[in-house]
């Protein structure tokens, strides 16, 4: 008798343990999940793939839309922080589920890189997610570009950053400037300039109004920081030392006024002449 006749039975038999394990883990994790508005438990990927059947793409869209909607609503909150730590963890799970179901779907990678790095301060987690996208979307230069920026700007790993940037530079339709950018990453003085260039590139690729508004606010803050950094350098050249505070830049006539942080914080200069802010726009956890 042909084995093909028993193939469906064998397949179901092999899947039963996976289903039982997924269901048991689902029940346990659901009990452990904090009760937060807009957050629901995400089933393990093996179970999602089975239940999605041939509609993986549609299910992927559904999870991504949930993440996008939640973030848009969270940005309307008045309390700080707008998004709780458990909610960021949930969003990571949602975006992972979306890209597990459809690893070729670009939008979740783009969205994750835009908000999980700057807002959630999770660059390592972001790059793990992006590594999936870089593997499957092996023609896409933007994903390794994102990974390289994260390594340089947030994690301060210049060697790894240059490696990712060069991977992107070798892919089809990559900008010619990507190759030279890899060499510029060696200079820490370029951090703010590179961040501005990165956000300008990101703005060209986003159509979502909420995300675009957040990127534009981030751009204004970084442009203000860059202007202050240049003013601090001028002050040092004239006086041989860094200013004790930013008000000295104004009193010495180098700047007409100290710009406002669009995030509501206060810009300040530290002991080594670096311009910082007390708001949510921070380079990385270890830097603050």
C-alpha atoms as a PDB file:
ATOM      1  CA  UNK A   1       0.000   0.000   0.000  1.00  0.00           C
ATOM      2  CA  UNK A   2       1.363   3.435  -0.969  1.00  0.00           C
ATOM      3  CA  UNK A   3       2.782   5.603   1.793  1.00  0.00           C
ATOM      4  CA  UNK A   4       1.086   8.608   0.154  1.00  0.00           C
ATOM      5  CA  UNK A   5      -2.219   7.283   1.454  1.00  0.00           C
ATOM      6  CA  UNK A   6      -1.024   7.592   5.036  1.00  0.00           C
ATOM      7  CA  UNK A   7       0.848  10.889   4.576  1.00  0.00           C
ATOM      8  CA  UNK A   8      -1.991  13.116   5.850  1.00  0.00           C
ATOM      9  CA  UNK A   9      -2.377  10.933   8.961  1.00  0.00           C
ATOM     10  CA  UNK A  10       1.371  11.032   9.617  1.00  0.00           C
ATOM     11  CA  UNK A  11       1.423  14.808   9.147  1.00  0.00           C
ATOM     12  CA  UNK A  12      -1.415  15.336  11.627  1.00  0.00           C
ATOM     13  CA  UNK A  13       0.225  12.960  14.104  1.00  0.00           C
ATOM     14  CA  UNK A  14       3.456  14.957  13.955  1.00  0.00           C
ATOM     15  CA  UNK A  15       1.623  18.267  14.311  1.00  0.00           C
ATOM     16  CA  UNK A  16      -0.407  17.262  17.372  1.00  0.00           C
ATOM     17  CA  UNK A  17       2.526  17.651  19.830  1.00  0.00           C
ATOM     18  CA  UNK A  18       3.293  21.071  18.353  1.00  0.00           C
ATOM     19  CA  UNK A  19      -0.321  22.162  18.724  1.00  0.00           C
ATOM     20  CA  UNK A  20      -0.582  20.872  22.301  1.00  0.00           C
ATOM     21  CA  UNK A  21       2.677  22.569  23.285  1.00  0.00           C
ATOM     22  CA  UNK A  22       1.624  25.839  21.675  1.00  0.00           C
ATOM     23  CA  UNK A  23      -1.747  25.787  23.412  1.00  0.00           C
ATOM     24  CA  UNK A  24      -0.225  25.023  26.817  1.00  0.00           C
ATOM     25  CA  UNK A  25       2.337  27.811  26.423  1.00  0.00           C
ATOM     26  CA  UNK A  26      -0.407  30.156  25.233  1.00  0.00           C
ATOM     27  CA  UNK A  27      -2.470  29.515  28.347  1.00  0.00           C
ATOM     28  CA  UNK A  28       0.526  30.061  30.632  1.00  0.00           C
ATOM     29  CA  UNK A  29       1.752  33.217  28.885  1.00  0.00           C
ATOM     30  CA  UNK A  30      -1.728  34.718  28.802  1.00  0.00           C
ATOM     31  CA  UNK A  31      -1.945  34.426  32.596  1.00  0.00           C
ATOM     32  CA  UNK A  32       1.423  36.168  32.941  1.00  0.00           C
ATOM     33  CA  UNK A  33       0.595  39.018  30.538  1.00  0.00           C
ATOM     34  CA  UNK A  34      -0.027  42.387  32.261  1.00  0.00           C
ATOM     35  CA  UNK A  35      -3.507  43.789  31.708  1.00  0.00           C
ATOM     36  CA  UNK A  36      -2.866  46.827  29.498  1.00  0.00           C
ATOM     37  CA  UNK A  37      -5.236  48.608  27.141  1.00  0.00           C
ATOM     38  CA  UNK A  38      -4.616  47.696  23.528  1.00  0.00           C
ATOM     39  CA  UNK A  39      -2.310  44.777  24.329  1.00  0.00           C
ATOM     40  CA  UNK A  40      -3.272  41.158  23.761  1.00  0.00           C
ATOM     41  CA  UNK A  41      -1.385  37.899  23.851  1.00  0.00           C
ATOM     42  CA  UNK A  42       0.414  36.803  20.670  1.00  0.00           C
ATOM     43  CA  UNK A  43       0.337  33.088  19.936  1.00  0.00           C
ATOM     44  CA  UNK A  44       3.661  31.321  19.223  1.00  0.00           C
ATOM     45  CA  UNK A  45       4.741  31.446  15.578  1.00  0.00           C
ATOM     46  CA  UNK A  46       4.291  27.688  14.869  1.00  0.00           C
ATOM     47  CA  UNK A  47       0.670  27.935  15.956  1.00  0.00           C
ATOM     48  CA  UNK A  48       0.136  31.150  13.979  1.00  0.00           C
ATOM     49  CA  UNK A  49       1.485  29.561  10.804  1.00  0.00           C
ATOM     50  CA  UNK A  50      -0.853  26.604  11.194  1.00  0.00           C
ATOM     51  CA  UNK A  51      -3.945  28.694  11.915  1.00  0.00           C
ATOM     52  CA  UNK A  52      -3.151  31.169   9.125  1.00  0.00           C
ATOM     53  CA  UNK A  53      -3.220  28.340   6.570  1.00  0.00           C
ATOM     54  CA  UNK A  54      -2.521  29.831   3.136  1.00  0.00           C
ATOM     55  CA  UNK A  55      -3.303  33.372   4.357  1.00  0.00           C
ATOM     56  CA  UNK A  56       0.129  34.145   5.810  1.00  0.00           C
ATOM     57  CA  UNK A  57       0.316  37.485   4.013  1.00  0.00           C
ATOM     58  CA  UNK A  58      -3.083  38.611   5.253  1.00  0.00           C
ATOM     59  CA  UNK A  59      -2.240  37.579   8.823  1.00  0.00           C
ATOM     60  CA  UNK A  60       1.066  39.425   8.576  1.00  0.00           C
ATOM     61  CA  UNK A  61      -0.771  42.574   7.459  1.00  0.00           C
ATOM     62  CA  UNK A  62      -3.168  42.212  10.380  1.00  0.00           C
ATOM     63  CA  UNK A  63      -0.392  42.104  12.999  1.00  0.00           C
ATOM     64  CA  UNK A  64       1.464  45.015  11.428  1.00  0.00           C
ATOM     65  CA  UNK A  65      -1.715  47.089  11.315  1.00  0.00           C
ATOM     66  CA  UNK A  66      -2.286  46.350  15.013  1.00  0.00           C
ATOM     67  CA  UNK A  67       1.208  47.609  15.886  1.00  0.00           C
ATOM     68  CA  UNK A  68       0.790  50.706  13.730  1.00  0.00           C
ATOM     69  CA  UNK A  69      -2.627  51.527  15.207  1.00  0.00           C
ATOM     70  CA  UNK A  70      -1.458  50.997  18.779  1.00  0.00           C
ATOM     71  CA  UNK A  71       1.541  53.276  18.288  1.00  0.00           C
ATOM     72  CA  UNK A  72      -0.602  56.001  16.739  1.00  0.00           C
ATOM     73  CA  UNK A  73      -2.997  55.902  19.684  1.00  0.00           C
ATOM     74  CA  UNK A  74      -0.150  55.808  22.213  1.00  0.00           C
ATOM     75  CA  UNK A  75       1.349  58.989  20.748  1.00  0.00           C
ATOM     76  CA  UNK A  76      -1.863  60.777  21.744  1.00  0.00           C
ATOM     77  CA  UNK A  77      -1.355  59.984  25.436  1.00  0.00           C
ATOM     78  CA  UNK A  78      -0.487  62.824  27.792  1.00  0.00           C
ATOM     79  CA  UNK A  79       1.293  60.734  30.410  1.00  0.00           C
ATOM     80  CA  UNK A  80       5.025  60.007  30.233  1.00  0.00           C
ATOM     81  CA  UNK A  81       6.326  57.663  29.143  1.00  0.00           C
ATOM     82  CA  UNK A  82       3.642  57.301  26.541  1.00  0.00           C
ATOM     83  CA  UNK A  83       4.404  53.617  26.025  1.00  0.00           C
ATOM     84  CA  UNK A  84       5.072  51.286  28.970  1.00  0.00           C
ATOM     85  CA  UNK A  85       7.899  48.762  28.939  1.00  0.00           C
ATOM     86  CA  UNK A  86       5.479  45.834  28.743  1.00  0.00           C
ATOM     87  CA  UNK A  87       3.803  47.475  25.762  1.00  0.00           C
ATOM     88  CA  UNK A  88       7.133  47.808  23.949  1.00  0.00           C
ATOM     89  CA  UNK A  89       7.753  44.115  24.588  1.00  0.00           C
ATOM     90  CA  UNK A  90       4.319  43.344  23.179  1.00  0.00           C
ATOM     91  CA  UNK A  91       5.046  45.438  20.090  1.00  0.00           C
ATOM     92  CA  UNK A  92       8.269  43.495  19.508  1.00  0.00           C
ATOM     93  CA  UNK A  93       6.254  40.264  19.628  1.00  0.00           C
ATOM     94  CA  UNK A  94       3.681  41.647  17.191  1.00  0.00           C
ATOM     95  CA  UNK A  95       6.313  42.771  14.695  1.00  0.00           C
ATOM     96  CA  UNK A  96       8.129  39.460  15.054  1.00  0.00           C
ATOM     97  CA  UNK A  97       4.867  37.628  14.369  1.00  0.00           C
ATOM     98  CA  UNK A  98       4.208  39.796  11.322  1.00  0.00           C
ATOM     99  CA  UNK A  99       7.662  39.151   9.864  1.00  0.00           C
ATOM    100  CA  UNK A 100       7.618  35.460  10.779  1.00  0.00           C
ATOM    101  CA  UNK A 101       4.408  35.052   8.795  1.00  0.00           C
ATOM    102  CA  UNK A 102       5.781  37.065   5.884  1.00  0.00           C
ATOM    103  CA  UNK A 103       9.551  37.661   6.186  1.00  0.00           C
ATOM    104  CA  UNK A 104       9.584  39.552   2.873  1.00  0.00           C
ATOM    105  CA  UNK A 105       7.162  42.256   4.100  1.00  0.00           C
ATOM    106  CA  UNK A 106       9.244  45.456   4.305  1.00  0.00           C
ATOM    107  CA  UNK A 107       6.925  47.762   6.269  1.00  0.00           C
ATOM    108  CA  UNK A 108       7.258  46.034   9.686  1.00  0.00           C
ATOM    109  CA  UNK A 109      11.064  46.236   9.463  1.00  0.00           C
ATOM    110  CA  UNK A 110      10.920  49.919   8.556  1.00  0.00           C
ATOM    111  CA  UNK A 111       8.436  50.680  11.321  1.00  0.00           C
ATOM    112  CA  UNK A 112      10.400  48.692  13.916  1.00  0.00           C
ATOM    113  CA  UNK A 113      13.590  50.497  13.059  1.00  0.00           C
ATOM    114  CA  UNK A 114      11.882  53.870  13.333  1.00  0.00           C
ATOM    115  CA  UNK A 115      10.355  53.420  16.772  1.00  0.00           C
ATOM    116  CA  UNK A 116      12.103  50.580  18.638  1.00  0.00           C
ATOM    117  CA  UNK A 117      15.500  52.300  18.433  1.00  0.00           C
ATOM    118  CA  UNK A 118      14.734  55.933  19.252  1.00  0.00           C
ATOM    119  CA  UNK A 119      11.589  55.582  21.373  1.00  0.00           C
ATOM    120  CA  UNK A 120      11.957  52.184  23.055  1.00  0.00           C
ATOM    121  CA  UNK A 121      15.783  52.332  23.335  1.00  0.00           C
ATOM    122  CA  UNK A 122      15.985  48.756  21.999  1.00  0.00           C
ATOM    123  CA  UNK A 123      18.614  48.857  19.224  1.00  0.00           C
ATOM    124  CA  UNK A 124      19.901  45.332  19.918  1.00  0.00           C
ATOM    125  CA  UNK A 125      16.404  43.849  19.668  1.00  0.00           C
ATOM    126  CA  UNK A 126      15.762  45.903  16.552  1.00  0.00           C
ATOM    127  CA  UNK A 127      18.856  44.593  14.805  1.00  0.00           C
ATOM    128  CA  UNK A 128      17.885  41.014  15.594  1.00  0.00           C
ATOM    129  CA  UNK A 129      14.569  41.639  13.844  1.00  0.00           C
ATOM    130  CA  UNK A 130      16.289  43.432  10.956  1.00  0.00           C
ATOM    131  CA  UNK A 131      18.714  40.524  10.521  1.00  0.00           C
ATOM    132  CA  UNK A 132      15.707  38.414   9.546  1.00  0.00           C
ATOM    133  CA  UNK A 133      14.717  40.965   6.949  1.00  0.00           C
ATOM    134  CA  UNK A 134      18.252  41.261   5.614  1.00  0.00           C
ATOM    135  CA  UNK A 135      18.424  37.481   5.161  1.00  0.00           C
ATOM    136  CA  UNK A 136      15.159  37.116   3.275  1.00  0.00           C
ATOM    137  CA  UNK A 137      15.243  40.446   1.440  1.00  0.00           C
ATOM    138  CA  UNK A 138      18.782  39.882   0.197  1.00  0.00           C
ATOM    139  CA  UNK A 139      18.325  42.456  -2.582  1.00  0.00           C
ATOM    140  CA  UNK A 140      17.334  45.266  -0.193  1.00  0.00           C
ATOM    141  CA  UNK A 141      20.132  47.732   0.715  1.00  0.00           C
ATOM    142  CA  UNK A 142      18.056  49.715   3.214  1.00  0.00           C
ATOM    143  CA  UNK A 143      17.840  47.027   5.904  1.00  0.00           C
ATOM    144  CA  UNK A 144      21.624  46.556   6.320  1.00  0.00           C
ATOM    145  CA  UNK A 145      21.860  50.354   6.132  1.00  0.00           C
ATOM    146  CA  UNK A 146      19.499  50.574   9.111  1.00  0.00           C
ATOM    147  CA  UNK A 147      21.494  47.932  10.981  1.00  0.00           C
ATOM    148  CA  UNK A 148      24.738  49.775  10.344  1.00  0.00           C
ATOM    149  CA  UNK A 149      23.307  53.038  11.613  1.00  0.00           C
ATOM    150  CA  UNK A 150      22.031  51.365  14.777  1.00  0.00           C
ATOM    151  CA  UNK A 151      25.424  49.828  15.477  1.00  0.00           C
ATOM    152  CA  UNK A 152      27.160  53.161  14.949  1.00  0.00           C
ATOM    153  CA  UNK A 153      24.759  55.599  16.579  1.00  0.00           C
ATOM    154  CA  UNK A 154      23.197  53.644  19.436  1.00  0.00           C
ATOM    155  CA  UNK A 155      25.631  50.799  20.143  1.00  0.00           C
ATOM    156  CA  UNK A 156      28.859  52.642  19.212  1.00  0.00           C
ATOM    157  CA  UNK A 157      30.291  49.655  17.383  1.00  0.00           C
ATOM    158  CA  UNK A 158      31.960  51.328  14.419  1.00  0.00           C
ATOM    159  CA  UNK A 159      33.498  48.162  12.992  1.00  0.00           C
ATOM    160  CA  UNK A 160      30.174  46.307  12.934  1.00  0.00           C
ATOM    161  CA  UNK A 161      28.460  49.395  11.571  1.00  0.00           C
ATOM    162  CA  UNK A 162      30.872  49.662   8.645  1.00  0.00           C
ATOM    163  CA  UNK A 163      30.402  45.943   7.955  1.00  0.00           C
ATOM    164  CA  UNK A 164      26.623  46.288   7.630  1.00  0.00           C
ATOM    165  CA  UNK A 165      26.894  49.456   5.558  1.00  0.00           C
ATOM    166  CA  UNK A 166      29.233  47.745   3.107  1.00  0.00           C
ATOM    167  CA  UNK A 167      26.810  44.805   2.809  1.00  0.00           C
ATOM    168  CA  UNK A 168      24.134  47.293   1.804  1.00  0.00           C
ATOM    169  CA  UNK A 169      26.488  49.081  -0.589  1.00  0.00           C
ATOM    170  CA  UNK A 170      26.959  45.863  -2.598  1.00  0.00           C
ATOM    171  CA  UNK A 171      23.232  45.328  -3.127  1.00  0.00           C
ATOM    172  CA  UNK A 172      21.266  46.414  -6.225  1.00  0.00           C
ATOM    173  CA  UNK A 173      20.321  50.096  -6.552  1.00  0.00           C
ATOM    174  CA  UNK A 174      22.255  51.109  -3.418  1.00  0.00           C
ATOM    175  CA  UNK A 175      23.225  54.805  -3.400  1.00  0.00           C
ATOM    176  CA  UNK A 176      26.792  55.505  -4.467  1.00  0.00           C
ATOM    177  CA  UNK A 177      27.303  57.489  -1.253  1.00  0.00           C
ATOM    178  CA  UNK A 178      26.785  54.361   0.849  1.00  0.00           C
ATOM    179  CA  UNK A 179      30.358  53.233   0.260  1.00  0.00           C
ATOM    180  CA  UNK A 180      31.853  56.533   1.426  1.00  0.00           C
ATOM    181  CA  UNK A 181      29.516  56.531   4.412  1.00  0.00           C
ATOM    182  CA  UNK A 182      31.237  53.404   5.672  1.00  0.00           C
ATOM    183  CA  UNK A 183      34.501  55.307   6.011  1.00  0.00           C
ATOM    184  CA  UNK A 184      32.818  58.300   7.668  1.00  0.00           C
ATOM    185  CA  UNK A 185      31.531  56.051  10.446  1.00  0.00           C
ATOM    186  CA  UNK A 186      35.045  55.951  11.868  1.00  0.00           C
ATOM    187  CA  UNK A 187      34.707  59.556  13.015  1.00  0.00           C
ATOM    188  CA  UNK A 188      32.563  60.014  16.104  1.00  0.00           C
ATOM    189  CA  UNK A 189      32.333  63.741  15.428  1.00  0.00           C
ATOM    190  CA  UNK A 190      29.955  62.923  12.600  1.00  0.00           C
ATOM    191  CA  UNK A 191      27.314  61.298  14.827  1.00  0.00           C
ATOM    192  CA  UNK A 192      24.728  64.066  14.683  1.00  0.00           C
ATOM    193  CA  UNK A 193      25.303  64.759  10.971  1.00  0.00           C
ATOM    194  CA  UNK A 194      24.881  61.074  10.148  1.00  0.00           C
ATOM    195  CA  UNK A 195      21.755  60.908  12.305  1.00  0.00           C
ATOM    196  CA  UNK A 196      20.242  63.829  10.387  1.00  0.00           C
ATOM    197  CA  UNK A 197      21.109  62.194   7.057  1.00  0.00           C
ATOM    198  CA  UNK A 198      19.558  58.946   8.296  1.00  0.00           C
ATOM    199  CA  UNK A 199      16.289  60.628   9.298  1.00  0.00           C
ATOM    200  CA  UNK A 200      16.098  62.509   5.999  1.00  0.00           C
ATOM    201  CA  UNK A 201      16.461  59.167   4.219  1.00  0.00           C
ATOM    202  CA  UNK A 202      13.774  57.675   6.476  1.00  0.00           C
ATOM    203  CA  UNK A 203      11.390  60.546   5.748  1.00  0.00           C
ATOM    204  CA  UNK A 204      11.630  59.820   2.037  1.00  0.00           C
ATOM    205  CA  UNK A 205      10.371  56.306   2.668  1.00  0.00           C
ATOM    206  CA  UNK A 206       7.456  56.857   5.044  1.00  0.00           C
ATOM    207  CA  UNK A 207       3.871  57.731   4.170  1.00  0.00           C
ATOM    208  CA  UNK A 208       2.308  57.168   7.595  1.00  0.00           C
ATOM    209  CA  UNK A 209       1.319  60.571   9.030  1.00  0.00           C
ATOM    210  CA  UNK A 210       1.958  59.695  12.690  1.00  0.00           C
ATOM    211  CA  UNK A 211       5.380  58.222  12.032  1.00  0.00           C
ATOM    212  CA  UNK A 212       6.275  61.071   9.680  1.00  0.00           C
ATOM    213  CA  UNK A 213       5.384  63.659  12.324  1.00  0.00           C
ATOM    214  CA  UNK A 214       7.565  61.887  14.876  1.00  0.00           C
ATOM    215  CA  UNK A 215      10.500  61.753  12.447  1.00  0.00           C
ATOM    216  CA  UNK A 216      10.122  65.452  11.640  1.00  0.00           C
ATOM    217  CA  UNK A 217      10.169  66.325  15.348  1.00  0.00           C
ATOM    218  CA  UNK A 218      13.254  64.165  15.807  1.00  0.00           C
ATOM    219  CA  UNK A 219      14.902  65.932  12.875  1.00  0.00           C
ATOM    220  CA  UNK A 220      14.257  69.386  14.395  1.00  0.00           C
ATOM    221  CA  UNK A 221      15.797  68.289  17.695  1.00  0.00           C
ATOM    222  CA  UNK A 222      18.909  66.903  16.013  1.00  0.00           C
ATOM    223  CA  UNK A 223      19.308  70.000  13.855  1.00  0.00           C
ATOM    224  CA  UNK A 224      19.200  72.118  17.021  1.00  0.00           C
ATOM    225  CA  UNK A 225      21.824  69.877  18.629  1.00  0.00           C
ATOM    226  CA  UNK A 226      24.058  70.154  15.553  1.00  0.00           C
ATOM    227  CA  UNK A 227      23.829  73.968  15.630  1.00  0.00           C
ATOM    228  CA  UNK A 228      24.766  73.977  19.317  1.00  0.00           C
ATOM    229  CA  UNK A 229      27.640  71.559  18.727  1.00  0.00           C
ATOM    230  CA  UNK A 230      29.088  73.903  16.114  1.00  0.00           C
ATOM    231  CA  UNK A 231      28.671  76.853  18.493  1.00  0.00           C
ATOM    232  CA  UNK A 232      30.449  74.966  21.279  1.00  0.00           C
ATOM    233  CA  UNK A 233      33.393  74.334  18.951  1.00  0.00           C
ATOM    234  CA  UNK A 234      33.565  78.041  18.089  1.00  0.00           C
ATOM    235  CA  UNK A 235      33.525  78.908  21.805  1.00  0.00           C
ATOM    236  CA  UNK A 236      36.376  76.479  22.468  1.00  0.00           C
ATOM    237  CA  UNK A 237      38.459  77.920  19.629  1.00  0.00           C
ATOM    238  CA  UNK A 238      38.017  81.430  21.022  1.00  0.00           C
ATOM    239  CA  UNK A 239      38.432  80.659  24.720  1.00  0.00           C
ATOM    240  CA  UNK A 240      40.495  77.484  24.864  1.00  0.00           C
ATOM    241  CA  UNK A 241      37.871  75.618  26.877  1.00  0.00           C
ATOM    242  CA  UNK A 242      34.303  74.371  26.609  1.00  0.00           C
ATOM    243  CA  UNK A 243      31.486  76.545  27.972  1.00  0.00           C
ATOM    244  CA  UNK A 244      30.252  75.698  31.469  1.00  0.00           C
ATOM    245  CA  UNK A 245      26.693  75.994  30.212  1.00  0.00           C
ATOM    246  CA  UNK A 246      24.947  76.876  26.968  1.00  0.00           C
ATOM    247  CA  UNK A 247      24.027  80.357  28.196  1.00  0.00           C
ATOM    248  CA  UNK A 248      27.678  81.308  27.689  1.00  0.00           C
ATOM    249  CA  UNK A 249      27.184  80.789  23.963  1.00  0.00           C
ATOM    250  CA  UNK A 250      24.490  83.441  23.983  1.00  0.00           C
ATOM    251  CA  UNK A 251      26.266  85.883  26.303  1.00  0.00           C
ATOM    252  CA  UNK A 252      29.406  85.684  24.148  1.00  0.00           C
ATOM    253  CA  UNK A 253      27.407  86.464  21.011  1.00  0.00           C
ATOM    254  CA  UNK A 254      28.052  83.138  19.265  1.00  0.00           C
ATOM    255  CA  UNK A 255      24.328  82.333  19.099  1.00  0.00           C
ATOM    256  CA  UNK A 256      21.379  84.699  19.226  1.00  0.00           C
ATOM    257  CA  UNK A 257      19.358  82.326  21.395  1.00  0.00           C
ATOM    258  CA  UNK A 258      19.379  78.794  22.749  1.00  0.00           C
ATOM    259  CA  UNK A 259      16.975  76.678  20.673  1.00  0.00           C
ATOM    260  CA  UNK A 260      14.125  74.836  22.326  1.00  0.00           C
ATOM    261  CA  UNK A 261      13.980  71.061  22.426  1.00  0.00           C
ATOM    262  CA  UNK A 262      10.790  70.103  20.538  1.00  0.00           C
ATOM    263  CA  UNK A 263      10.421  67.173  22.934  1.00  0.00           C
ATOM    264  CA  UNK A 264      10.047  69.560  25.868  1.00  0.00           C
ATOM    265  CA  UNK A 265      13.428  68.913  27.446  1.00  0.00           C
ATOM    266  CA  UNK A 266      16.398  71.216  28.003  1.00  0.00           C
ATOM    267  CA  UNK A 267      19.627  71.189  26.031  1.00  0.00           C
ATOM    268  CA  UNK A 268      22.837  71.276  28.053  1.00  0.00           C
ATOM    269  CA  UNK A 269      26.579  70.825  27.566  1.00  0.00           C
ATOM    270  CA  UNK A 270      28.541  68.303  29.643  1.00  0.00           C
ATOM    271  CA  UNK A 271      32.122  68.461  30.871  1.00  0.00           C
ATOM    272  CA  UNK A 272      33.609  67.219  27.610  1.00  0.00           C
ATOM    273  CA  UNK A 273      31.716  69.631  25.382  1.00  0.00           C
ATOM    274  CA  UNK A 274      29.008  67.247  24.196  1.00  0.00           C
ATOM    275  CA  UNK A 275      25.517  68.679  23.740  1.00  0.00           C
ATOM    276  CA  UNK A 276      22.829  66.602  25.423  1.00  0.00           C
ATOM    277  CA  UNK A 277      19.145  66.915  26.245  1.00  0.00           C
ATOM    278  CA  UNK A 278      16.987  65.972  29.222  1.00  0.00           C
ATOM    279  CA  UNK A 279      14.162  64.806  26.947  1.00  0.00           C
ATOM    280  CA  UNK A 280      13.436  61.417  25.387  1.00  0.00           C
ATOM    281  CA  UNK A 281      15.767  62.144  22.446  1.00  0.00           C
ATOM    282  CA  UNK A 282      18.812  60.284  23.740  1.00  0.00           C
ATOM    283  CA  UNK A 283      21.696  58.564  22.012  1.00  0.00           C
ATOM    284  CA  UNK A 284      21.588  55.366  24.079  1.00  0.00           C
ATOM    285  CA  UNK A 285      20.994  54.145  27.614  1.00  0.00           C
ATOM    286  CA  UNK A 286      24.653  53.890  28.473  1.00  0.00           C
ATOM    287  CA  UNK A 287      25.214  57.470  27.362  1.00  0.00           C
ATOM    288  CA  UNK A 288      22.742  58.902  29.867  1.00  0.00           C
END
